[in-house]
């Protein structure tokens, strides 16, 4: 897609600090990192959200994340990584091309877990949980 910055990076039209590439996936350092070593892992083909990404490409992307996350930890001497995908604009996705963030984490870095994005658990009754599970299950059929 011509106007997608990530597609332009994959095409080599925009330079990147590439750390991984295979037939289906491409990983490069984020130019606005949350921490040094913050890496983005993307599919080479353009798909805006996970729902748009064909299953076989999703599996290939997950395999790339599986390779990149431990490499970021080793390369940055990090204690862990946070791996996240903002799936859609309402979730904070800024570039409309599927991508995973791999952010190096350190004991005591003060950033907290992904749960820190929310005020806390939502109070949901057992009946509501049953209805929600049914609704999601029906959407999968």
C-alpha atoms as a PDB file:
ATOM      1  CA  UNK A   1       0.000   0.000   0.000  1.00  0.00           C
ATOM      2  CA  UNK A   2       1.633   3.207  -1.222  1.00  0.00           C
ATOM      3  CA  UNK A   3       0.733   5.517   1.659  1.00  0.00           C
ATOM      4  CA  UNK A   4       1.515   3.057   4.484  1.00  0.00           C
ATOM      5  CA  UNK A   5       4.766   3.952   6.228  1.00  0.00           C
ATOM      6  CA  UNK A   6       5.377   0.319   7.212  1.00  0.00           C
ATOM      7  CA  UNK A   7       4.882  -0.867   3.637  1.00  0.00           C
ATOM      8  CA  UNK A   8       7.368   1.796   2.549  1.00  0.00           C
ATOM      9  CA  UNK A   9       9.857   0.494   5.128  1.00  0.00           C
ATOM     10  CA  UNK A  10       9.410  -3.102   3.890  1.00  0.00           C
ATOM     11  CA  UNK A  11       9.914  -1.900   0.284  1.00  0.00           C
ATOM     12  CA  UNK A  12      13.134  -0.137   1.277  1.00  0.00           C
ATOM     13  CA  UNK A  13      11.764   3.296   0.374  1.00  0.00           C
ATOM     14  CA  UNK A  14      12.218   4.442   3.972  1.00  0.00           C
ATOM     15  CA  UNK A  15      15.343   3.319   5.809  1.00  0.00           C
ATOM     16  CA  UNK A  16      15.049   1.248   8.967  1.00  0.00           C
ATOM     17  CA  UNK A  17      17.267  -0.435  11.473  1.00  0.00           C
ATOM     18  CA  UNK A  18      16.195  -3.937  10.519  1.00  0.00           C
ATOM     19  CA  UNK A  19      16.811  -6.684  13.061  1.00  0.00           C
ATOM     20  CA  UNK A  20      14.902  -9.590  11.483  1.00  0.00           C
ATOM     21  CA  UNK A  21      13.439 -10.536   8.136  1.00  0.00           C
ATOM     22  CA  UNK A  22      11.982 -13.671   6.636  1.00  0.00           C
ATOM     23  CA  UNK A  23       9.569 -14.456   3.821  1.00  0.00           C
ATOM     24  CA  UNK A  24       6.527 -13.164   5.719  1.00  0.00           C
ATOM     25  CA  UNK A  25       7.721 -10.873   8.512  1.00  0.00           C
ATOM     26  CA  UNK A  26       9.941  -7.882   9.061  1.00  0.00           C
ATOM     27  CA  UNK A  27      11.235  -6.449  12.350  1.00  0.00           C
ATOM     28  CA  UNK A  28      12.907  -3.119  12.938  1.00  0.00           C
ATOM     29  CA  UNK A  29      13.677  -0.703  15.746  1.00  0.00           C
ATOM     30  CA  UNK A  30      10.918   1.774  16.588  1.00  0.00           C
ATOM     31  CA  UNK A  31      12.082   5.341  15.826  1.00  0.00           C
ATOM     32  CA  UNK A  32      10.062   6.585  18.821  1.00  0.00           C
ATOM     33  CA  UNK A  33      11.033   3.884  21.325  1.00  0.00           C
ATOM     34  CA  UNK A  34       9.417   3.399  24.699  1.00  0.00           C
ATOM     35  CA  UNK A  35      12.791   1.976  25.751  1.00  0.00           C
ATOM     36  CA  UNK A  36      16.076   1.383  23.918  1.00  0.00           C
ATOM     37  CA  UNK A  37      15.634  -1.773  21.837  1.00  0.00           C
ATOM     38  CA  UNK A  38      11.872  -1.299  21.328  1.00  0.00           C
ATOM     39  CA  UNK A  39      11.249  -3.352  18.189  1.00  0.00           C
ATOM     40  CA  UNK A  40       8.262  -3.562  15.843  1.00  0.00           C
ATOM     41  CA  UNK A  41       7.409  -6.874  14.162  1.00  0.00           C
ATOM     42  CA  UNK A  42       5.129  -6.583  11.133  1.00  0.00           C
ATOM     43  CA  UNK A  43       3.807  -8.749   8.313  1.00  0.00           C
ATOM     44  CA  UNK A  44       5.381  -7.838   4.984  1.00  0.00           C
ATOM     45  CA  UNK A  45       1.961  -7.710   3.349  1.00  0.00           C
ATOM     46  CA  UNK A  46      -0.414  -4.899   4.252  1.00  0.00           C
ATOM     47  CA  UNK A  47      -3.242  -5.744   6.636  1.00  0.00           C
ATOM     48  CA  UNK A  48      -4.696  -3.135   8.961  1.00  0.00           C
ATOM     49  CA  UNK A  49      -5.875  -5.323  11.871  1.00  0.00           C
ATOM     50  CA  UNK A  50      -5.506  -8.864  13.133  1.00  0.00           C
ATOM     51  CA  UNK A  51      -8.972  -9.629  11.781  1.00  0.00           C
ATOM     52  CA  UNK A  52      -7.759  -8.684   8.292  1.00  0.00           C
ATOM     53  CA  UNK A  53      -4.662 -10.872   8.525  1.00  0.00           C
ATOM     54  CA  UNK A  54      -5.045 -14.350   6.978  1.00  0.00           C
ATOM     55  CA  UNK A  55      -4.483 -17.166   9.499  1.00  0.00           C
ATOM     56  CA  UNK A  56      -1.340 -18.484   7.808  1.00  0.00           C
ATOM     57  CA  UNK A  57       0.233 -15.013   7.833  1.00  0.00           C
ATOM     58  CA  UNK A  58      -0.789 -14.564  11.458  1.00  0.00           C
ATOM     59  CA  UNK A  59       0.998 -17.810  12.320  1.00  0.00           C
ATOM     60  CA  UNK A  60       4.116 -16.635  10.456  1.00  0.00           C
ATOM     61  CA  UNK A  61       3.987 -13.309  12.283  1.00  0.00           C
ATOM     62  CA  UNK A  62       3.671 -15.072  15.638  1.00  0.00           C
ATOM     63  CA  UNK A  63       6.689 -17.218  14.738  1.00  0.00           C
ATOM     64  CA  UNK A  64       8.686 -14.058  14.008  1.00  0.00           C
ATOM     65  CA  UNK A  65       7.658 -12.527  17.350  1.00  0.00           C
ATOM     66  CA  UNK A  66       8.726 -15.815  18.958  1.00  0.00           C
ATOM     67  CA  UNK A  67      12.220 -15.320  17.452  1.00  0.00           C
ATOM     68  CA  UNK A  68      12.507 -11.581  18.046  1.00  0.00           C
ATOM     69  CA  UNK A  69      11.375 -11.299  21.692  1.00  0.00           C
ATOM     70  CA  UNK A  70      14.168 -13.458  23.162  1.00  0.00           C
ATOM     71  CA  UNK A  71      16.678 -11.753  20.852  1.00  0.00           C
ATOM     72  CA  UNK A  72      15.618  -8.331  22.163  1.00  0.00           C
ATOM     73  CA  UNK A  73      16.011  -9.618  25.729  1.00  0.00           C
ATOM     74  CA  UNK A  74      19.467 -11.037  24.978  1.00  0.00           C
ATOM     75  CA  UNK A  75      20.644  -8.097  22.898  1.00  0.00           C
ATOM     76  CA  UNK A  76      19.503  -5.519  25.450  1.00  0.00           C
ATOM     77  CA  UNK A  77      20.410  -7.621  28.516  1.00  0.00           C
ATOM     78  CA  UNK A  78      16.781  -7.191  29.553  1.00  0.00           C
ATOM     79  CA  UNK A  79      15.027  -9.165  32.264  1.00  0.00           C
ATOM     80  CA  UNK A  80      11.891  -9.570  30.147  1.00  0.00           C
ATOM     81  CA  UNK A  81       9.869  -8.042  27.324  1.00  0.00           C
ATOM     82  CA  UNK A  82       6.377  -6.715  27.005  1.00  0.00           C
ATOM     83  CA  UNK A  83       4.852  -7.908  23.731  1.00  0.00           C
ATOM     84  CA  UNK A  84       1.721  -6.042  22.671  1.00  0.00           C
ATOM     85  CA  UNK A  85      -0.498  -5.417  19.669  1.00  0.00           C
ATOM     86  CA  UNK A  86      -2.794  -2.396  19.616  1.00  0.00           C
ATOM     87  CA  UNK A  87      -5.501  -3.790  17.360  1.00  0.00           C
ATOM     88  CA  UNK A  88      -7.504  -0.887  15.929  1.00  0.00           C
ATOM     89  CA  UNK A  89      -7.558   2.853  16.443  1.00  0.00           C
ATOM     90  CA  UNK A  90      -9.659   2.689  19.632  1.00  0.00           C
ATOM     91  CA  UNK A  91      -6.956   0.461  21.156  1.00  0.00           C
ATOM     92  CA  UNK A  92      -4.240   3.000  20.345  1.00  0.00           C
ATOM     93  CA  UNK A  93      -3.064   1.651  16.988  1.00  0.00           C
ATOM     94  CA  UNK A  94      -1.407   4.627  15.298  1.00  0.00           C
ATOM     95  CA  UNK A  95      -0.195   2.994  12.070  1.00  0.00           C
ATOM     96  CA  UNK A  96      -2.960   1.051  10.277  1.00  0.00           C
ATOM     97  CA  UNK A  97      -0.742  -1.965   9.539  1.00  0.00           C
ATOM     98  CA  UNK A  98      -0.711  -4.918  11.949  1.00  0.00           C
ATOM     99  CA  UNK A  99       2.318  -4.739  14.230  1.00  0.00           C
ATOM    100  CA  UNK A 100       3.585  -6.106  17.491  1.00  0.00           C
ATOM    101  CA  UNK A 101       5.652  -4.049  19.883  1.00  0.00           C
ATOM    102  CA  UNK A 102       8.480  -5.883  21.640  1.00  0.00           C
ATOM    103  CA  UNK A 103       9.684  -3.646  24.466  1.00  0.00           C
ATOM    104  CA  UNK A 104      12.618  -4.624  26.687  1.00  0.00           C
ATOM    105  CA  UNK A 105      11.784  -4.582  30.391  1.00  0.00           C
ATOM    106  CA  UNK A 106      13.919  -4.469  33.515  1.00  0.00           C
ATOM    107  CA  UNK A 107      13.259  -5.201  37.176  1.00  0.00           C
ATOM    108  CA  UNK A 108      12.302  -1.921  38.811  1.00  0.00           C
ATOM    109  CA  UNK A 109      11.797   0.009  35.551  1.00  0.00           C
ATOM    110  CA  UNK A 110       8.564   1.388  36.993  1.00  0.00           C
ATOM    111  CA  UNK A 111       6.361   0.717  33.975  1.00  0.00           C
ATOM    112  CA  UNK A 112       4.138  -2.037  35.328  1.00  0.00           C
ATOM    113  CA  UNK A 113       2.218  -4.763  33.509  1.00  0.00           C
ATOM    114  CA  UNK A 114      -0.308  -4.375  30.710  1.00  0.00           C
ATOM    115  CA  UNK A 115      -2.976  -4.354  33.438  1.00  0.00           C
ATOM    116  CA  UNK A 116      -1.738  -0.848  34.301  1.00  0.00           C
ATOM    117  CA  UNK A 117      -3.583   0.385  31.196  1.00  0.00           C
ATOM    118  CA  UNK A 118      -6.871  -0.122  33.026  1.00  0.00           C
ATOM    119  CA  UNK A 119      -8.277   1.128  36.328  1.00  0.00           C
ATOM    120  CA  UNK A 120      -8.669  -2.424  37.573  1.00  0.00           C
ATOM    121  CA  UNK A 121     -10.895  -5.418  37.124  1.00  0.00           C
ATOM    122  CA  UNK A 122     -14.445  -4.790  35.934  1.00  0.00           C
ATOM    123  CA  UNK A 123     -17.181  -6.202  38.134  1.00  0.00           C
ATOM    124  CA  UNK A 124     -18.988  -8.745  35.952  1.00  0.00           C
ATOM    125  CA  UNK A 125     -21.529 -11.215  37.323  1.00  0.00           C
ATOM    126  CA  UNK A 126     -21.421 -14.929  36.574  1.00  0.00           C
ATOM    127  CA  UNK A 127     -24.523 -14.560  34.368  1.00  0.00           C
ATOM    128  CA  UNK A 128     -22.843 -11.739  32.411  1.00  0.00           C
ATOM    129  CA  UNK A 129     -19.690 -13.856  32.021  1.00  0.00           C
ATOM    130  CA  UNK A 130     -21.819 -16.707  30.653  1.00  0.00           C
ATOM    131  CA  UNK A 131     -23.513 -14.341  28.165  1.00  0.00           C
ATOM    132  CA  UNK A 132     -20.198 -12.839  27.098  1.00  0.00           C
ATOM    133  CA  UNK A 133     -18.651 -16.281  26.557  1.00  0.00           C
ATOM    134  CA  UNK A 134     -21.694 -17.290  24.489  1.00  0.00           C
ATOM    135  CA  UNK A 135     -21.500 -14.102  22.392  1.00  0.00           C
ATOM    136  CA  UNK A 136     -17.785 -14.512  21.669  1.00  0.00           C
ATOM    137  CA  UNK A 137     -18.208 -18.216  20.959  1.00  0.00           C
ATOM    138  CA  UNK A 138     -21.047 -17.466  18.535  1.00  0.00           C
ATOM    139  CA  UNK A 139     -18.851 -14.910  16.740  1.00  0.00           C
ATOM    140  CA  UNK A 140     -16.199 -17.628  16.264  1.00  0.00           C
ATOM    141  CA  UNK A 141     -18.653 -20.039  14.597  1.00  0.00           C
END
